[in-house]
Protein backbone atom coordinates (compact mmCIF):
# COMPACT_ATOMS: atom_id res chain seq x y z
CA MET A 1 -18.92 19.48 27.50
CA THR A 2 -18.98 19.08 31.58
CA SER A 3 -20.40 15.81 33.13
CA LYS A 4 -23.24 18.51 34.49
CA THR A 5 -23.66 19.98 31.38
CA ILE A 6 -25.05 16.49 30.18
CA ILE A 7 -27.13 15.34 32.91
CA HIS A 8 -28.31 18.76 32.63
CA GLU A 9 -29.82 18.92 28.41
CA LYS A 10 -30.59 15.02 30.05
CA LEU A 11 -33.41 16.02 32.25
CA GLU A 12 -34.16 18.51 29.76
CA VAL A 13 -35.46 16.02 27.89
CA MET A 14 -37.04 14.30 31.01
CA LYS A 15 -38.70 17.23 31.73
CA GLN A 16 -40.08 17.63 28.56
CA CYS A 17 -41.21 14.06 27.75
CA TYR A 18 -43.12 13.87 31.04
CA ILE A 19 -45.50 17.17 30.51
CA GLN A 20 -45.70 16.35 26.69
CA ARG A 21 -47.00 12.74 28.27
CA ASP A 22 -46.70 11.52 24.42
CA LEU A 23 -46.18 7.97 23.61
CA LYS A 24 -44.20 8.91 20.39
CA ASN A 25 -41.33 10.17 23.07
CA LEU A 26 -40.62 6.75 24.51
CA ASP A 27 -37.91 6.26 21.82
CA LEU A 28 -36.82 9.62 23.15
CA ILE A 29 -36.44 9.45 26.58
CA ILE A 30 -34.92 6.10 26.49
CA ASP A 31 -32.16 6.64 24.15
CA THR A 32 -31.49 9.60 26.29
CA PHE A 33 -30.84 8.00 29.24
CA PHE A 34 -29.73 4.20 28.46
CA HIS A 35 -27.36 2.04 25.58
CA PRO A 36 -28.24 -1.80 25.13
CA SER A 37 -24.70 -2.43 26.10
CA ARG A 38 -25.30 -1.10 29.28
CA PRO A 39 -27.66 -2.93 31.64
CA ALA A 40 -29.46 -0.53 33.68
CA ILE A 41 -31.93 -0.61 36.66
CA VAL A 42 -35.12 1.38 37.54
CA VAL A 43 -37.00 1.58 40.23
CA GLY A 44 -40.28 2.86 40.66
CA THR A 45 -42.35 4.52 43.39
CA ASP A 46 -44.54 1.32 44.57
CA ASN A 47 -43.59 -1.23 46.27
CA GLY A 48 -42.58 -3.98 43.63
CA GLU A 49 -41.28 -2.27 40.92
CA TRP A 50 -37.70 -3.19 40.26
CA PHE A 51 -37.26 -3.23 36.63
CA ARG A 52 -34.06 -3.91 34.26
CA THR A 53 -35.26 -4.91 30.76
CA MET A 54 -35.97 -1.89 27.96
CA ASP A 55 -39.47 -3.38 27.59
CA GLN A 56 -40.43 -3.06 31.24
CA PHE A 57 -38.31 0.81 31.38
CA ARG A 58 -41.21 1.55 28.35
CA GLU A 59 -43.59 0.30 30.36
CA LEU A 60 -43.08 2.60 33.42
CA PHE A 61 -42.93 5.44 30.99
CA ILE A 62 -46.34 4.83 29.70
CA TYR A 63 -47.51 3.96 32.92
CA ASP A 64 -46.53 7.41 34.04
CA TRP A 65 -47.69 9.87 31.31
CA GLN A 66 -51.11 7.69 31.16
CA HIS A 67 -52.03 8.31 35.03
CA TRP A 68 -49.46 10.40 36.18
CA GLY A 69 -49.86 14.68 36.58
CA ASP A 70 -46.80 17.06 34.88
CA VAL A 71 -43.75 15.85 35.92
CA ILE A 72 -42.05 19.18 36.48
CA ILE A 73 -38.06 18.90 37.26
CA ASP A 74 -35.19 21.04 38.68
CA THR A 75 -32.79 20.44 35.32
CA PHE A 76 -29.62 23.19 37.15
CA GLY A 77 -29.94 22.52 41.16
CA PHE A 78 -29.55 18.60 41.42
CA GLU A 79 -26.42 17.24 43.20
CA MET A 80 -23.78 15.37 41.79
CA ARG A 81 -21.77 12.86 43.50
CA GLU A 82 -18.48 11.71 42.17
CA SER A 83 -16.21 8.39 42.12
CA GLU A 84 -13.96 7.45 39.83
CA HIS A 85 -16.11 5.35 37.03
CA TYR A 86 -19.93 6.60 38.32
CA ILE A 87 -21.85 9.97 38.94
CA PHE A 88 -24.78 9.70 42.33
CA THR A 89 -27.13 11.98 40.77
CA ARG A 90 -30.34 13.62 43.45
CA VAL A 91 -32.54 15.37 41.07
CA ARG A 92 -35.69 17.62 42.63
CA ALA A 93 -39.33 17.44 41.07
CA ILE A 94 -42.56 18.06 41.42
CA LEU A 95 -45.35 15.45 40.58
CA ASP A 96 -48.07 17.79 39.75
CA PHE A 97 -51.52 16.79 39.56
CA HIS A 98 -52.81 20.51 39.61
CA GLU A 99 -56.23 21.67 40.27
CA TYR A 100 -55.82 18.25 43.60
CA LYS A 101 -52.93 17.46 44.18
CA ALA A 102 -49.09 17.61 44.23
CA TRP A 103 -46.39 15.77 45.53
CA ASP A 104 -42.33 16.23 45.89
CA LEU A 105 -40.80 13.60 43.62
CA ASP A 106 -36.83 12.87 43.79
CA ILE A 107 -35.26 11.82 41.15
CA LEU A 108 -31.92 9.43 42.03
CA MET A 109 -29.62 8.44 38.99
CA ILE A 110 -26.24 6.81 38.71
CA PHE A 111 -24.56 7.72 35.53
CA GLU A 112 -21.53 6.13 33.90
CA PRO A 113 -19.16 7.63 31.09
CA TYR A 114 -19.88 5.63 27.95
CA GLU A 115 -18.27 6.86 24.60
CA ASP A 116 -18.65 10.78 25.52
CA ASP A 117 -21.50 10.34 26.59
CA LEU A 118 -23.16 9.47 30.25
CA VAL A 119 -25.20 6.60 30.33
CA CYS A 120 -27.47 5.90 33.48
CA ARG A 121 -27.42 1.86 34.86
CA MET A 122 -29.51 3.13 37.66
CA MET A 123 -32.54 5.12 38.19
CA GLN A 124 -35.29 5.67 40.67
CA PHE A 125 -37.84 7.32 41.18
CA LYS A 126 -38.66 8.47 45.32
CA VAL A 127 -41.46 10.17 47.30
CA PRO A 128 -39.24 11.61 49.74
CA ARG A 129 -41.73 12.73 52.31
CA ASN A 130 -42.86 9.04 52.70
CA VAL A 131 -39.70 8.43 55.32
CA LEU A 132 -42.15 10.19 58.08
CA ARG A 133 -45.13 8.74 56.86
CA PRO A 134 -45.24 5.14 55.44
CA THR A 135 -47.67 3.99 53.19
CA VAL A 136 -46.58 0.68 52.22
CA ILE A 137 -46.96 -1.49 55.21
CA ILE A 138 -46.97 -5.31 54.21
CA ASN A 139 -48.18 -6.90 56.95
CA ARG A 140 -51.87 -5.55 57.10
CA SER A 141 -52.23 -5.79 53.14
CA ASP A 142 -51.65 -8.93 51.56
CA ASP A 143 -51.99 -6.67 48.19
CA GLU A 144 -48.62 -5.16 49.39
CA GLN A 145 -46.51 -9.05 50.54
CA SER A 146 -47.54 -10.18 47.00
CA LYS A 147 -46.09 -6.65 45.18
CA TYR A 148 -43.19 -7.55 47.87
CA GLU A 149 -42.44 -11.16 46.90
CA THR A 150 -42.75 -10.07 43.59
CA GLU A 151 -39.57 -7.89 44.02
CA ILE A 152 -37.56 -9.84 46.18
CA LYS A 153 -38.13 -12.64 43.45
CA ASP A 154 -36.94 -10.09 40.43
CA LEU A 155 -34.06 -8.82 43.31
CA ASN A 156 -32.92 -12.93 43.89
CA GLN A 157 -31.94 -13.27 39.88
CA MET A 158 -30.41 -9.76 40.04
CA SER A 159 -28.04 -10.32 43.37
CA ALA A 160 -27.30 -13.94 41.37
CA GLY A 161 -24.39 -11.75 40.00
CA ASN A 162 -22.54 -10.57 43.06
CA GLY A 163 -19.92 -12.77 43.14
CA ASN A 164 -18.30 -11.93 45.82
CA SER A 165 -20.37 -12.79 48.87
CA ASP A 166 -17.79 -11.23 51.49
CA LEU A 167 -18.13 -8.07 49.75
CA THR A 168 -21.79 -8.33 50.01
CA ARG A 169 -21.96 -9.62 54.17
CA THR A 170 -19.55 -6.36 54.71
CA LEU A 171 -21.63 -3.83 52.64
CA ILE A 172 -24.87 -5.63 53.96
CA ALA A 173 -22.96 -4.93 57.46
CA MET A 174 -22.14 -1.70 57.12
CA LEU A 175 -25.66 -0.60 55.77
CA GLU A 176 -27.51 -2.29 58.54
CA ASP A 177 -25.33 -0.41 61.01
CA ASP A 178 -26.04 2.71 60.09
CA LEU A 179 -29.01 2.43 59.73
CA VAL A 180 -29.17 1.77 63.41
CA GLU A 181 -27.50 4.93 63.84
CA ARG A 182 -29.69 6.59 61.78
CA ARG A 183 -33.11 5.59 62.32
CA PRO A 184 -33.49 4.57 66.37
CA ASP A 185 -37.20 4.18 65.84
CA TRP A 186 -36.81 1.17 63.66
CA ASP A 187 -35.95 -2.34 65.16
CA GLU A 188 -35.30 -5.68 62.96
CA ILE A 189 -33.28 -4.27 60.60
CA GLN A 190 -32.99 -6.93 57.70
CA ILE A 191 -30.79 -7.55 54.24
CA PRO A 192 -30.79 -10.31 53.30
CA GLU A 193 -27.77 -10.85 50.89
CA ASN A 194 -29.92 -12.61 48.31
CA GLN A 195 -31.60 -8.54 47.85
CA ILE A 196 -28.95 -6.41 47.61
CA VAL A 197 -27.81 -6.32 44.02
CA ILE A 198 -23.63 -5.48 43.76
CA CYS A 199 -22.65 -3.98 40.46
CA SER A 200 -19.32 -4.04 39.97
CA GLU A 201 -16.89 -4.62 37.01
CA GLU A 202 -13.27 -5.90 36.62
CA GLY A 203 -10.93 -3.49 37.35
CA LYS A 204 -12.86 -0.78 39.05
CA GLN A 205 -12.22 -0.26 42.58
CA ASP A 206 -15.63 1.60 42.65
CA PHE A 207 -19.20 0.20 42.26
CA TYR A 208 -22.76 0.98 42.67
CA PHE A 209 -25.65 -0.71 44.80
CA ALA A 210 -28.72 -0.99 45.47
CA CYS A 211 -30.56 -3.13 48.45
CA THR A 212 -34.37 -3.59 49.65
CA GLY A 213 -34.56 -4.61 53.27
CA LEU A 214 -38.02 -4.68 55.70
CA CYS A 215 -37.73 -3.55 59.44
CA THR A 216 -40.24 -3.01 62.12
CA VAL A 217 -41.76 0.35 63.68
CA GLU A 218 -44.08 -0.78 66.43
CA LYS A 219 -46.01 -3.38 64.49
CA ASP A 220 -45.72 -2.97 61.33
CA ARG A 221 -43.86 -4.37 58.68
CA LEU A 222 -41.85 -1.62 56.47
CA PRO A 223 -39.75 -2.44 53.36
CA PHE A 224 -36.80 -0.27 52.30
CA ARG A 225 -34.78 1.04 49.77
CA ILE A 226 -30.82 1.83 49.58
CA ILE A 227 -28.79 2.69 45.97
CA GLY A 228 -25.45 3.91 46.26
CA LEU A 229 -22.10 4.12 45.81
CA GLY A 230 -19.62 2.18 47.19
CA CYS A 231 -15.08 1.45 46.49
CA GLN A 232 -13.16 -1.30 47.43
CA ALA A 233 -9.54 -0.71 47.92
CA GLY A 234 -8.07 -3.97 49.21
CA ALA A 235 -9.66 -5.03 52.48
CA ASP A 236 -10.95 -1.25 52.14
CA LEU A 237 -14.28 -0.78 51.85
CA ARG A 238 -16.60 1.96 51.94
CA ILE A 239 -19.28 3.60 51.22
CA ILE A 240 -19.06 6.96 49.05
CA ASP A 241 -22.41 8.26 48.95
CA CYS A 242 -26.30 6.35 49.59
CA GLU A 243 -29.73 7.19 49.65
CA LEU A 244 -32.78 5.37 51.82
CA SER A 245 -36.01 5.22 50.83
CA LEU A 246 -39.58 3.61 51.11
CA PRO A 247 -42.01 2.40 48.36
CA PHE A 248 -44.78 5.33 48.29
CA PHE A 249 -48.78 4.02 47.49
CA CYS A 250 -51.45 6.28 46.92
CA GLU A 251 -54.59 5.76 45.22
CA LEU A 252 -54.69 8.19 42.21
CA GLY A 253 -58.85 8.91 42.68
């Protein structure tokens, strides 16, 4: 099977699991996307939601199935961007609460070929319209500030394995420069070294990464996230692809 066919079949499983919302499907969705020998990161829509253990992934899916509506996934129309060893996938979906609201939803995933399959090494749920109307403003809410601090603690633990400090600093500088160009309305853009996770393996030039930073928009302090693929060949570092998002908070009623 092609990579696109494999990803399509996995998305069909996710779609049915989110529609059925049956806790008996927890092992099914975990086994479909993850492998116990390949560490993964899952990022939720809300501030503070960075997870890296199978138990935490299960807790996230349980919460979604108990509190969310149906997640209707476009299992055919996803986008793929490939590096030598990874596949960055953008999936469009709708979170449908039926009688009273529906949200746009993106699911971002980075897959790695492994044992005749594709294993998800990173998954992020994103509400795309939140970049236009941020809901998480940490200087206006003690609760959001606390959740942000929890996220940073988790990232500090994950980023300890980055290893190459020169790569880390150069990648951060490239991301910050890109944000200055793309978002001229943002001021004081900062991505601290202990808030970026770079996942690379010996013998591979390509890598995937994720980070949380802070910016100022007028007087609001907004956390943002970036995930993506990069490649380093000698002194040449380039970003193959990346995606910007802001955490989302909304009362479910």
